[in-house]
Amino acid sequence: MNLSFTAEIDGKPSFFKEKILLSLGTVGLPDLKPKLHTIRRTRAEATGDPRAPEWQQGMVIDFCISTAAGQEIPFGPKIRCTGIQNICICAIGNSLPEIHIDGHELDVVQIRELAVNDGFENLEDFLNYFQGNFSGLLIHWTKKRY
């Protein structure tokens, strides 16, 4: 199933393609940290179709970059999803949100690790992207788990 990524966030390059390739060991870029997973809404919620197939361990991932023209350009090898975890981000005013993965609340060090492992440069960029409450899936293609 296609797993699409944007090339830019807020007008800045995301480098998600390069970070994913780095996580797969196919590219070595010294200034980037690998993207080890991605966070997504459930497909049923994202598409509005309760029958939409959900991501499952073992499914084939077709990595794609989404273009401004709405095209999806494949990149990298096809690999299998190594695991799925449930994630919930609960906004708490102006303070650090509570983040739960499979029911386990992350501490601030784990939240920073999650942000970088999800491809963001830092916690601030992650929190700017995931504003408000969010519930979805953490889709893995590496052995990393929380």
C-alpha atoms as a PDB file:
ATOM      1  CA  MET A   1       0.000   0.000   0.000  1.00  0.00           C
ATOM      2  CA  ASN A   2       1.264   3.508  -0.744  1.00  0.00           C
ATOM      3  CA  LEU A   3       2.737   5.445   2.141  1.00  0.00           C
ATOM      4  CA  SER A   4       3.070   9.038   0.918  1.00  0.00           C
ATOM      5  CA  PHE A   5       5.228  11.798   2.336  1.00  0.00           C
ATOM      6  CA  THR A   6       5.372  15.503   1.646  1.00  0.00           C
ATOM      7  CA  ALA A   7       8.572  17.090   0.366  1.00  0.00           C
ATOM      8  CA  GLU A   8       7.934  20.302   2.350  1.00  0.00           C
ATOM      9  CA  ILE A   9       6.379  21.321   5.656  1.00  0.00           C
ATOM     10  CA  ASP A  10       5.613  25.007   6.184  1.00  0.00           C
ATOM     11  CA  GLY A  11       7.740  25.925   3.164  1.00  0.00           C
ATOM     12  CA  LYS A  12      10.839  24.071   4.425  1.00  0.00           C
ATOM     13  CA  PRO A  13      12.201  20.841   2.904  1.00  0.00           C
ATOM     14  CA  SER A  14      11.215  17.828   5.018  1.00  0.00           C
ATOM     15  CA  PHE A  15      14.002  15.553   3.714  1.00  0.00           C
ATOM     16  CA  PHE A  16      11.636  12.667   4.542  1.00  0.00           C
ATOM     17  CA  LYS A  17      12.703  10.746   1.436  1.00  0.00           C
ATOM     18  CA  GLU A  18      16.382  11.004   2.359  1.00  0.00           C
ATOM     19  CA  LYS A  19      15.686  10.219   6.041  1.00  0.00           C
ATOM     20  CA  ILE A  20      13.667   7.120   5.116  1.00  0.00           C
ATOM     21  CA  LEU A  21      16.382   5.908   2.744  1.00  0.00           C
ATOM     22  CA  LEU A  22      18.894   6.496   5.535  1.00  0.00           C
ATOM     23  CA  SER A  23      16.781   4.339   7.893  1.00  0.00           C
ATOM     24  CA  LEU A  24      16.877   1.552   5.282  1.00  0.00           C
ATOM     25  CA  GLY A  25      20.647   1.770   4.947  1.00  0.00           C
ATOM     26  CA  THR A  26      20.494   2.698   1.259  1.00  0.00           C
ATOM     27  CA  VAL A  27      21.866   6.239   1.619  1.00  0.00           C
ATOM     28  CA  GLY A  28      24.381   7.762   3.983  1.00  0.00           C
ATOM     29  CA  LEU A  29      23.948  11.461   4.711  1.00  0.00           C
ATOM     30  CA  PRO A  30      25.994  12.759   7.631  1.00  0.00           C
ATOM     31  CA  ASP A  31      23.783  15.717   8.596  1.00  0.00           C
ATOM     32  CA  LEU A  32      20.459  13.843   8.742  1.00  0.00           C
ATOM     33  CA  LYS A  33      18.971  11.483  11.288  1.00  0.00           C
ATOM     34  CA  PRO A  34      16.942   8.542   9.951  1.00  0.00           C
ATOM     35  CA  LYS A  35      13.140   8.544   9.881  1.00  0.00           C
ATOM     36  CA  LEU A  36      12.235   5.256  11.583  1.00  0.00           C
ATOM     37  CA  HIS A  37       8.438   5.377  11.383  1.00  0.00           C
ATOM     38  CA  THR A  38       5.496   7.562  10.496  1.00  0.00           C
ATOM     39  CA  ILE A  39       2.379   8.710  12.314  1.00  0.00           C
ATOM     40  CA  ARG A  40      -0.935   8.547  10.449  1.00  0.00           C
ATOM     41  CA  ARG A  41      -4.646   8.811  11.078  1.00  0.00           C
ATOM     42  CA  THR A  42      -6.457   5.554  10.562  1.00  0.00           C
ATOM     43  CA  ARG A  43      -7.337   5.107   6.904  1.00  0.00           C
ATOM     44  CA  ALA A  44     -11.040   4.938   7.783  1.00  0.00           C
ATOM     45  CA  GLU A  45     -10.823   8.357   9.454  1.00  0.00           C
ATOM     46  CA  ALA A  46      -8.577   9.870   6.775  1.00  0.00           C
ATOM     47  CA  THR A  47     -10.758   8.713   3.878  1.00  0.00           C
ATOM     48  CA  GLY A  48     -14.156   8.829   5.569  1.00  0.00           C
ATOM     49  CA  ASP A  49     -14.687   5.220   4.448  1.00  0.00           C
ATOM     50  CA  PRO A  50     -15.134   2.786   7.361  1.00  0.00           C
ATOM     51  CA  ARG A  51     -14.273  -0.071   4.963  1.00  0.00           C
ATOM     52  CA  ALA A  52     -10.868   1.376   4.021  1.00  0.00           C
ATOM     53  CA  PRO A  53      -8.106  -1.171   4.661  1.00  0.00           C
ATOM     54  CA  GLU A  54      -5.968  -0.365   7.690  1.00  0.00           C
ATOM     55  CA  TRP A  55      -2.233  -0.756   7.937  1.00  0.00           C
ATOM     56  CA  GLN A  56      -1.169  -4.095   9.383  1.00  0.00           C
ATOM     57  CA  GLN A  57       2.124  -5.742  10.205  1.00  0.00           C
ATOM     58  CA  GLY A  58       3.420  -7.611   7.150  1.00  0.00           C
ATOM     59  CA  MET A  59       1.792  -5.347   4.540  1.00  0.00           C
ATOM     60  CA  VAL A  60       4.070  -4.134   1.747  1.00  0.00           C
ATOM     61  CA  ILE A  61       5.021  -0.453   2.006  1.00  0.00           C
ATOM     62  CA  ASP A  62       5.399   1.485  -1.244  1.00  0.00           C
ATOM     63  CA  PHE A  63       7.141   4.711  -0.224  1.00  0.00           C
ATOM     64  CA  CYS A  64       6.058   7.767  -2.272  1.00  0.00           C
ATOM     65  CA  ILE A  65       6.670  11.508  -2.317  1.00  0.00           C
ATOM     66  CA  SER A  66       3.564  13.613  -2.948  1.00  0.00           C
ATOM     67  CA  THR A  67       4.004  16.451  -5.406  1.00  0.00           C
ATOM     68  CA  ALA A  68       2.229  19.800  -5.451  1.00  0.00           C
ATOM     69  CA  ALA A  69       0.381  18.552  -8.548  1.00  0.00           C
ATOM     70  CA  GLY A  70      -1.109  15.681  -6.550  1.00  0.00           C
ATOM     71  CA  GLN A  71       1.106  12.970  -8.018  1.00  0.00           C
ATOM     72  CA  GLU A  72       2.772  10.252  -5.953  1.00  0.00           C
ATOM     73  CA  ILE A  73       6.320   9.446  -7.050  1.00  0.00           C
ATOM     74  CA  PRO A  74       7.623   6.107  -5.736  1.00  0.00           C
ATOM     75  CA  PHE A  75      11.077   5.884  -4.167  1.00  0.00           C
ATOM     76  CA  GLY A  76      13.142   3.294  -2.356  1.00  0.00           C
ATOM     77  CA  PRO A  77      12.626  -0.441  -2.064  1.00  0.00           C
ATOM     78  CA  LYS A  78       9.303  -2.049  -1.279  1.00  0.00           C
ATOM     79  CA  ILE A  79       9.509  -3.400   2.234  1.00  0.00           C
ATOM     80  CA  ARG A  80       7.145  -4.934   4.763  1.00  0.00           C
ATOM     81  CA  CYS A  81       5.567  -3.071   7.652  1.00  0.00           C
ATOM     82  CA  THR A  82       7.280  -4.431  10.776  1.00  0.00           C
ATOM     83  CA  GLY A  83       4.650  -3.289  13.261  1.00  0.00           C
ATOM     84  CA  ILE A  84       1.814  -0.967  14.195  1.00  0.00           C
ATOM     85  CA  GLN A  85       1.328   0.902  17.461  1.00  0.00           C
ATOM     86  CA  ASN A  86      -1.596   3.081  18.530  1.00  0.00           C
ATOM     87  CA  ILE A  87      -0.724   6.695  19.324  1.00  0.00           C
ATOM     88  CA  CYS A  88      -2.739   9.385  21.060  1.00  0.00           C
ATOM     89  CA  ILE A  89      -1.587  12.994  21.423  1.00  0.00           C
ATOM     90  CA  CYS A  90      -3.600  14.915  24.017  1.00  0.00           C
ATOM     91  CA  ALA A  91      -3.150  18.687  23.966  1.00  0.00           C
ATOM     92  CA  ILE A  92      -2.931  20.361  27.382  1.00  0.00           C
ATOM     93  CA  GLY A  93      -3.126  24.130  26.917  1.00  0.00           C
ATOM     94  CA  ASN A  94       0.285  25.645  26.208  1.00  0.00           C
ATOM     95  CA  SER A  95       2.271  22.902  27.935  1.00  0.00           C
ATOM     96  CA  LEU A  96       3.788  19.738  26.505  1.00  0.00           C
ATOM     97  CA  PRO A  97       1.004  17.393  25.364  1.00  0.00           C
ATOM     98  CA  GLU A  98       0.522  13.943  26.826  1.00  0.00           C
ATOM     99  CA  ILE A  99       1.538  11.322  24.288  1.00  0.00           C
ATOM    100  CA  HIS A 100       0.477   7.710  24.754  1.00  0.00           C
ATOM    101  CA  ILE A 101       1.685   4.800  22.631  1.00  0.00           C
ATOM    102  CA  ASP A 102      -0.227   1.555  23.127  1.00  0.00           C
ATOM    103  CA  GLY A 103      -1.541   3.055  26.367  1.00  0.00           C
ATOM    104  CA  HIS A 104       1.932   3.891  27.766  1.00  0.00           C
ATOM    105  CA  GLU A 105       2.534   7.581  28.515  1.00  0.00           C
ATOM    106  CA  LEU A 106       5.850   8.888  27.181  1.00  0.00           C
ATOM    107  CA  ASP A 107       8.091  11.134  29.258  1.00  0.00           C
ATOM    108  CA  VAL A 108       9.717  14.255  27.795  1.00  0.00           C
ATOM    109  CA  VAL A 109      12.890  12.394  26.754  1.00  0.00           C
ATOM    110  CA  GLN A 110      10.808   9.767  24.921  1.00  0.00           C
ATOM    111  CA  ILE A 111       8.693  12.476  23.267  1.00  0.00           C
ATOM    112  CA  ARG A 112      11.852  14.168  21.945  1.00  0.00           C
ATOM    113  CA  GLU A 113      13.066  10.785  20.664  1.00  0.00           C
ATOM    114  CA  LEU A 114       9.686  10.147  19.002  1.00  0.00           C
ATOM    115  CA  ALA A 115       9.837  13.546  17.262  1.00  0.00           C
ATOM    116  CA  VAL A 116      13.308  12.978  15.797  1.00  0.00           C
ATOM    117  CA  ASN A 117      12.568   9.347  14.882  1.00  0.00           C
ATOM    118  CA  ASP A 118       9.464  10.561  13.038  1.00  0.00           C
ATOM    119  CA  GLY A 119      11.672  12.730  10.839  1.00  0.00           C
ATOM    120  CA  PHE A 120      11.325  16.124  12.501  1.00  0.00           C
ATOM    121  CA  GLU A 121      14.397  18.218  13.248  1.00  0.00           C
ATOM    122  CA  ASN A 122      13.298  18.828  16.821  1.00  0.00           C
ATOM    123  CA  LEU A 123      10.430  18.646  19.301  1.00  0.00           C
ATOM    124  CA  GLU A 124       9.208  22.152  18.420  1.00  0.00           C
ATOM    125  CA  ASP A 125       8.709  21.241  14.740  1.00  0.00           C
ATOM    126  CA  PHE A 126       6.902  18.034  15.754  1.00  0.00           C
ATOM    127  CA  LEU A 127       4.550  19.915  18.105  1.00  0.00           C
ATOM    128  CA  ASN A 128       3.866  22.605  15.477  1.00  0.00           C
ATOM    129  CA  TYR A 129       2.841  19.869  13.041  1.00  0.00           C
ATOM    130  CA  PHE A 130       0.719  17.870  15.514  1.00  0.00           C
ATOM    131  CA  GLN A 131      -1.280  20.689  17.075  1.00  0.00           C
ATOM    132  CA  GLY A 132      -4.346  19.776  19.102  1.00  0.00           C
ATOM    133  CA  ASN A 133      -5.588  16.295  19.866  1.00  0.00           C
ATOM    134  CA  PHE A 134      -4.668  13.429  17.571  1.00  0.00           C
ATOM    135  CA  SER A 135      -5.366   9.721  17.535  1.00  0.00           C
ATOM    136  CA  GLY A 136      -3.906   7.331  14.986  1.00  0.00           C
ATOM    137  CA  LEU A 137      -1.263   4.777  14.151  1.00  0.00           C
ATOM    138  CA  LEU A 138       2.505   4.622  14.378  1.00  0.00           C
ATOM    139  CA  ILE A 139       3.605   2.660  11.296  1.00  0.00           C
ATOM    140  CA  HIS A 140       7.014   0.987  11.601  1.00  0.00           C
ATOM    141  CA  TRP A 141       9.453  -0.311   8.984  1.00  0.00           C
ATOM    142  CA  THR A 142      12.324  -0.820  11.470  1.00  0.00           C
ATOM    143  CA  LYS A 143      12.596  -2.710  14.759  1.00  0.00           C
ATOM    144  CA  LYS A 144      12.155   0.452  16.856  1.00  0.00           C
ATOM    145  CA  ARG A 145       9.234   0.344  19.336  1.00  0.00           C
ATOM    146  CA  TYR A 146       8.095   2.524  22.236  1.00  0.00           C
END
